[in-house]
PDB file of N, CA and C in Angstrom:
ATOM      1  N   MET A   1     -45.666  -9.098  13.408  1.00  0.00           N
ATOM      2  CA  MET A   1     -44.782  -9.866  14.258  1.00  0.00           C
ATOM      3  C   MET A   1     -45.503 -10.178  15.561  1.00  0.00           C
ATOM      4  N   PHE A   2     -45.535  -9.276  16.485  1.00  0.00           N
ATOM      5  CA  PHE A   2     -46.245  -9.482  17.733  1.00  0.00           C
ATOM      6  C   PHE A   2     -47.396  -8.503  17.848  1.00  0.00           C
ATOM      7  N   GLY A   3     -47.865  -8.007  16.734  1.00  0.00           N
ATOM      8  CA  GLY A   3     -48.921  -7.023  16.740  1.00  0.00           C
ATOM      9  C   GLY A   3     -48.406  -5.645  17.123  1.00  0.00           C
ATOM     10  N   ILE A   4     -47.094  -5.428  16.959  1.00  0.00           N
ATOM     11  CA  ILE A   4     -46.496  -4.143  17.292  1.00  0.00           C
ATOM     12  C   ILE A   4     -46.413  -3.326  16.018  1.00  0.00           C
ATOM     13  N   GLY A   5     -47.064  -2.193  16.048  1.00  0.00           N
ATOM     14  CA  GLY A   5     -47.038  -1.313  14.895  1.00  0.00           C
ATOM     15  C   GLY A   5     -46.088  -0.157  15.109  1.00  0.00           C
ATOM     16  N   THR A   6     -46.143   0.780  14.193  1.00  0.00           N
ATOM     17  CA  THR A   6     -45.259   1.940  14.253  1.00  0.00           C
ATOM     18  C   THR A   6     -45.475   2.775  15.504  1.00  0.00           C
ATOM     19  N   PRO A   7     -46.711   3.074  15.898  1.00  0.00           N
ATOM     20  CA  PRO A   7     -46.892   3.882  17.107  1.00  0.00           C
ATOM     21  C   PRO A   7     -46.324   3.206  18.365  1.00  0.00           C
ATOM     22  N   GLU A   8     -46.492   1.903  18.446  1.00  0.00           N
ATOM     23  CA  GLU A   8     -45.968   1.193  19.617  1.00  0.00           C
ATOM     24  C   GLU A   8     -44.449   1.219  19.644  1.00  0.00           C
ATOM     25  N   LEU A   9     -43.824   1.041  18.460  1.00  0.00           N
ATOM     26  CA  LEU A   9     -42.369   1.091  18.384  1.00  0.00           C
ATOM     27  C   LEU A   9     -41.831   2.463  18.774  1.00  0.00           C
ATOM     28  N   ILE A  10     -42.512   3.514  18.368  1.00  0.00           N
ATOM     29  CA  ILE A  10     -42.090   4.872  18.726  1.00  0.00           C
ATOM     30  C   ILE A  10     -42.176   5.070  20.226  1.00  0.00           C
ATOM     31  N   ILE A  11     -43.241   4.596  20.841  1.00  0.00           N
ATOM     32  CA  ILE A  11     -43.397   4.719  22.293  1.00  0.00           C
ATOM     33  C   ILE A  11     -42.304   3.937  23.012  1.00  0.00           C
ATOM     34  N   ILE A  12     -42.009   2.733  22.549  1.00  0.00           N
ATOM     35  CA  ILE A  12     -40.954   1.918  23.168  1.00  0.00           C
ATOM     36  C   ILE A  12     -39.608   2.616  23.049  1.00  0.00           C
ATOM     37  N   LEU A  13     -39.308   3.162  21.863  1.00  0.00           N
ATOM     38  CA  LEU A  13     -38.041   3.862  21.669  1.00  0.00           C
ATOM     39  C   LEU A  13     -37.937   5.103  22.555  1.00  0.00           C
ATOM     40  N   LEU A  14     -39.022   5.820  22.727  1.00  0.00           N
ATOM     41  CA  LEU A  14     -39.009   6.990  23.614  1.00  0.00           C
ATOM     42  C   LEU A  14     -38.766   6.585  25.067  1.00  0.00           C
ATOM     43  N   ILE A  15     -39.372   5.503  25.499  1.00  0.00           N
ATOM     44  CA  ILE A  15     -39.165   5.026  26.867  1.00  0.00           C
ATOM     45  C   ILE A  15     -37.715   4.602  27.064  1.00  0.00           C
ATOM     46  N   VAL A  16     -37.152   3.902  26.083  1.00  0.00           N
ATOM     47  CA  VAL A  16     -35.743   3.501  26.172  1.00  0.00           C
ATOM     48  C   VAL A  16     -34.846   4.728  26.222  1.00  0.00           C
ATOM     49  N   LEU A  17     -35.151   5.724  25.414  1.00  0.00           N
ATOM     50  CA  LEU A  17     -34.365   6.951  25.413  1.00  0.00           C
ATOM     51  C   LEU A  17     -34.421   7.635  26.774  1.00  0.00           C
ATOM     52  N   LEU A  18     -35.593   7.654  27.395  1.00  0.00           N
ATOM     53  CA  LEU A  18     -35.720   8.270  28.717  1.00  0.00           C
ATOM     54  C   LEU A  18     -34.978   7.475  29.786  1.00  0.00           C
ATOM     55  N   LEU A  19     -35.047   6.155  29.711  1.00  0.00           N
ATOM     56  CA  LEU A  19     -34.398   5.326  30.723  1.00  0.00           C
ATOM     57  C   LEU A  19     -32.880   5.322  30.579  1.00  0.00           C
ATOM     58  N   VAL A  20     -32.388   5.226  29.355  1.00  0.00           N
ATOM     59  CA  VAL A  20     -30.953   5.094  29.125  1.00  0.00           C
ATOM     60  C   VAL A  20     -30.287   6.459  29.060  1.00  0.00           C
ATOM     61  N   GLY A  21     -30.914   7.392  28.442  1.00  0.00           N
ATOM     62  CA  GLY A  21     -30.323   8.715  28.274  1.00  0.00           C
ATOM     63  C   GLY A  21     -29.703   8.857  26.904  1.00  0.00           C
ATOM     64  N   GLY A  22     -29.624  10.060  26.419  1.00  0.00           N
ATOM     65  CA  GLY A  22     -29.124  10.324  25.079  1.00  0.00           C
ATOM     66  C   GLY A  22     -27.651  10.033  24.916  1.00  0.00           C
ATOM     67  N   LYS A  23     -26.875  10.229  25.978  1.00  0.00           N
ATOM     68  CA  LYS A  23     -25.429  10.038  25.874  1.00  0.00           C
ATOM     69  C   LYS A  23     -25.052   8.566  25.782  1.00  0.00           C
ATOM     70  N   LYS A  24     -25.794   7.699  26.438  1.00  0.00           N
ATOM     71  CA  LYS A  24     -25.462   6.267  26.455  1.00  0.00           C
ATOM     72  C   LYS A  24     -26.137   5.491  25.328  1.00  0.00           C
ATOM     73  N   LEU A  25     -27.045   6.100  24.603  1.00  0.00           N
ATOM     74  CA  LEU A  25     -27.798   5.402  23.572  1.00  0.00           C
ATOM     75  C   LEU A  25     -26.906   4.854  22.447  1.00  0.00           C
ATOM     76  N   PRO A  26     -25.946   5.615  21.910  1.00  0.00           N
ATOM     77  CA  PRO A  26     -25.078   5.034  20.870  1.00  0.00           C
ATOM     78  C   PRO A  26     -24.266   3.845  21.375  1.00  0.00           C
ATOM     79  N   GLU A  27     -23.799   3.930  22.608  1.00  0.00           N
ATOM     80  CA  GLU A  27     -23.044   2.818  23.195  1.00  0.00           C
ATOM     81  C   GLU A  27     -23.930   1.579  23.335  1.00  0.00           C
ATOM     82  N   LEU A  28     -25.166   1.774  23.749  1.00  0.00           N
ATOM     83  CA  LEU A  28     -26.115   0.667  23.891  1.00  0.00           C
ATOM     84  C   LEU A  28     -26.408   0.035  22.534  1.00  0.00           C
ATOM     85  N   ALA A  29     -26.632   0.865  21.522  1.00  0.00           N
ATOM     86  CA  ALA A  29     -26.919   0.349  20.177  1.00  0.00           C
ATOM     87  C   ALA A  29     -25.720  -0.425  19.631  1.00  0.00           C
ATOM     88  N   ARG A  30     -24.522   0.071  19.895  1.00  0.00           N
ATOM     89  CA  ARG A  30     -23.312  -0.607  19.425  1.00  0.00           C
ATOM     90  C   ARG A  30     -23.173  -1.976  20.080  1.00  0.00           C
ATOM     91  N   SER A  31     -23.419  -2.047  21.376  1.00  0.00           N
ATOM     92  CA  SER A  31     -23.285  -3.330  22.072  1.00  0.00           C
ATOM     93  C   SER A  31     -24.353  -4.323  21.623  1.00  0.00           C
ATOM     94  N   VAL A  32     -25.555  -3.852  21.358  1.00  0.00           N
ATOM     95  CA  VAL A  32     -26.611  -4.740  20.852  1.00  0.00           C
ATOM     96  C   VAL A  32     -26.235  -5.261  19.469  1.00  0.00           C
ATOM     97  N   GLY A  33     -25.691  -4.400  18.621  1.00  0.00           N
ATOM     98  CA  GLY A  33     -25.261  -4.821  17.289  1.00  0.00           C
ATOM     99  C   GLY A  33     -24.151  -5.860  17.336  1.00  0.00           C
ATOM    100  N   GLN A  34     -23.182  -5.663  18.238  1.00  0.00           N
ATOM    101  CA  GLN A  34     -22.097  -6.632  18.374  1.00  0.00           C
ATOM    102  C   GLN A  34     -22.623  -7.969  18.884  1.00  0.00           C
ATOM    103  N   SER A  35     -23.570  -7.921  19.813  1.00  0.00           N
ATOM    104  CA  SER A  35     -24.156  -9.159  20.332  1.00  0.00           C
ATOM    105  C   SER A  35     -24.888  -9.924  19.237  1.00  0.00           C
ATOM    106  N   MET A  36     -25.635  -9.207  18.407  1.00  0.00           N
ATOM    107  CA  MET A  36     -26.354  -9.859  17.309  1.00  0.00           C
ATOM    108  C   MET A  36     -25.372 -10.464  16.308  1.00  0.00           C
ATOM    109  N   GLN A  37     -24.274  -9.757  16.039  1.00  0.00           N
ATOM    110  CA  GLN A  37     -23.272 -10.257  15.102  1.00  0.00           C
ATOM    111  C   GLN A  37     -22.635 -11.541  15.638  1.00  0.00           C
ATOM    112  N   GLU A  38     -22.300 -11.564  16.916  1.00  0.00           N
ATOM    113  CA  GLU A  38     -21.712 -12.765  17.503  1.00  0.00           C
ATOM    114  C   GLU A  38     -22.703 -13.921  17.522  1.00  0.00           C
ATOM    115  N   LEU A  39     -23.967 -13.626  17.761  1.00  0.00           N
ATOM    116  CA  LEU A  39     -24.989 -14.668  17.748  1.00  0.00           C
ATOM    117  C   LEU A  39     -25.117 -15.287  16.365  1.00  0.00           C
ATOM    118  N   ARG A  40     -25.152 -14.441  15.332  1.00  0.00           N
ATOM    119  CA  ARG A  40     -25.235 -14.956  13.958  1.00  0.00           C
ATOM    120  C   ARG A  40     -24.010 -15.783  13.610  1.00  0.00           C
ATOM    121  N   LYS A  41     -22.839 -15.302  14.016  1.00  0.00           N
ATOM    122  CA  LYS A  41     -21.610 -16.034  13.746  1.00  0.00           C
ATOM    123  C   LYS A  41     -21.636 -17.383  14.458  1.00  0.00           C
ATOM    124  N   GLY A  42     -22.081 -17.410  15.692  1.00  0.00           N
ATOM    125  CA  GLY A  42     -22.160 -18.655  16.447  1.00  0.00           C
ATOM    126  C   GLY A  42     -23.152 -19.625  15.844  1.00  0.00           C
ATOM    127  N   MET A  43     -24.275 -19.111  15.379  1.00  0.00           N
ATOM    128  CA  MET A  43     -25.266 -19.980  14.750  1.00  0.00           C
ATOM    129  C   MET A  43     -24.722 -20.543  13.448  1.00  0.00           C
ATOM    130  N   GLY A  44     -23.967 -19.750  12.703  1.00  0.00           N
ATOM    131  CA  GLY A  44     -23.371 -20.224  11.458  1.00  0.00           C
ATOM    132  C   GLY A  44     -22.320 -21.283  11.725  1.00  0.00           C
ATOM    133  N   ASP A  45     -21.501 -21.074  12.759  1.00  0.00           N
ATOM    134  CA  ASP A  45     -20.479 -22.058  13.110  1.00  0.00           C
ATOM    135  C   ASP A  45     -21.117 -23.368  13.549  1.00  0.00           C
ATOM    136  N   GLY A  46     -22.196 -23.282  14.275  1.00  0.00           N
ATOM    137  CA  GLY A  46     -22.876 -24.486  14.747  1.00  0.00           C
ATOM    138  C   GLY A  46     -23.440 -25.304  13.605  1.00  0.00           C
ATOM    139  N   SER A  47     -23.993 -24.649  12.606  1.00  0.00           N
ATOM    140  CA  SER A  47     -24.550 -25.386  11.475  1.00  0.00           C
ATOM    141  C   SER A  47     -23.444 -26.008  10.630  1.00  0.00           C
ATOM    142  N   LYS A  48     -22.307 -25.327  10.527  1.00  0.00           N
ATOM    143  CA  LYS A  48     -21.183 -25.889   9.777  1.00  0.00           C
ATOM    144  C   LYS A  48     -20.639 -27.116  10.488  1.00  0.00           C
ATOM    145  N   LYS A  49     -20.540 -27.036  11.811  1.00  0.00           N
ATOM    146  CA  LYS A  49     -20.025 -28.168  12.581  1.00  0.00           C
ATOM    147  C   LYS A  49     -20.965 -29.354  12.478  1.00  0.00           C
ATOM    148  N   SER A  50     -22.277 -29.111  12.544  1.00  0.00           N
ATOM    149  CA  SER A  50     -23.217 -30.227  12.455  1.00  0.00           C
ATOM    150  C   SER A  50     -23.220 -30.824  11.049  1.00  0.00           C
ATOM    151  N   ALA A  51     -23.002 -29.997  10.018  1.00  0.00           N
ATOM    152  CA  ALA A  51     -22.941 -30.512   8.648  1.00  0.00           C
ATOM    153  C   ALA A  51     -21.690 -31.369   8.474  1.00  0.00           C
ATOM    154  N   ARG A  52     -20.567 -30.909   9.058  1.00  0.00           N
ATOM    155  CA  ARG A  52     -19.345 -31.701   8.972  1.00  0.00           C
ATOM    156  C   ARG A  52     -19.495 -33.019   9.706  1.00  0.00           C
ATOM    157  N   ALA A  53     -20.144 -32.991  10.857  1.00  0.00           N
ATOM    158  CA  ALA A  53     -20.337 -34.223  11.634  1.00  0.00           C
ATOM    159  C   ALA A  53     -21.196 -35.204  10.846  1.00  0.00           C
ATOM    160  N   ALA A  54     -22.207 -34.702  10.143  1.00  0.00           N
ATOM    161  CA  ALA A  54     -23.064 -35.571   9.340  1.00  0.00           C
ATOM    162  C   ALA A  54     -22.291 -36.181   8.179  1.00  0.00           C
ATOM    163  N   GLU A  55     -21.418 -35.359   7.555  1.00  0.00           N
ATOM    164  CA  GLU A  55     -20.601 -35.874   6.459  1.00  0.00           C
ATOM    165  C   GLU A  55     -19.623 -36.935   6.966  1.00  0.00           C
ATOM    166  N   ASP A  56     -19.022 -36.687   8.122  1.00  0.00           N
ATOM    167  CA  ASP A  56     -18.087 -37.651   8.694  1.00  0.00           C
ATOM    168  C   ASP A  56     -18.793 -38.963   9.047  1.00  0.00           C
ATOM    169  N   ALA A  57     -20.001 -38.868   9.519  1.00  0.00           N
ATOM    170  CA  ALA A  57     -20.761 -40.064   9.893  1.00  0.00           C
ATOM    171  C   ALA A  57     -21.106 -40.896   8.651  1.00  0.00           C
ATOM    172  N   GLU A  58     -21.371 -40.203   7.533  1.00  0.00           N
ATOM    173  CA  GLU A  58     -21.699 -40.908   6.297  1.00  0.00           C
ATOM    174  C   GLU A  58     -20.482 -41.629   5.729  1.00  0.00           C
ATOM    175  N   GLU A  59     -19.289 -41.047   5.924  1.00  0.00           N
ATOM    176  CA  GLU A  59     -18.071 -41.655   5.383  1.00  0.00           C
ATOM    177  C   GLU A  59     -17.693 -42.926   6.112  1.00  0.00           C
ATOM    178  N   VAL A  60     -18.063 -43.049   7.364  1.00  0.00           N
ATOM    179  CA  VAL A  60     -17.659 -44.196   8.170  1.00  0.00           C
ATOM    180  C   VAL A  60     -18.452 -45.385   7.838  1.00  0.00           C
TER     181      VAL A  60
END
């Protein structure tokens, strides 16, 4: 991906754990997951709307 391997990912995760703390980590992961879910949903809605607009344009 960006040349990030397993050792780099472990170091990044350890730094995040130190900065955020163990108690807030599940809350942070949950909020990131919800954000990703909303982003995917929004991207899906956008493609459906553009497909409908294209179909409507063809009918006219």
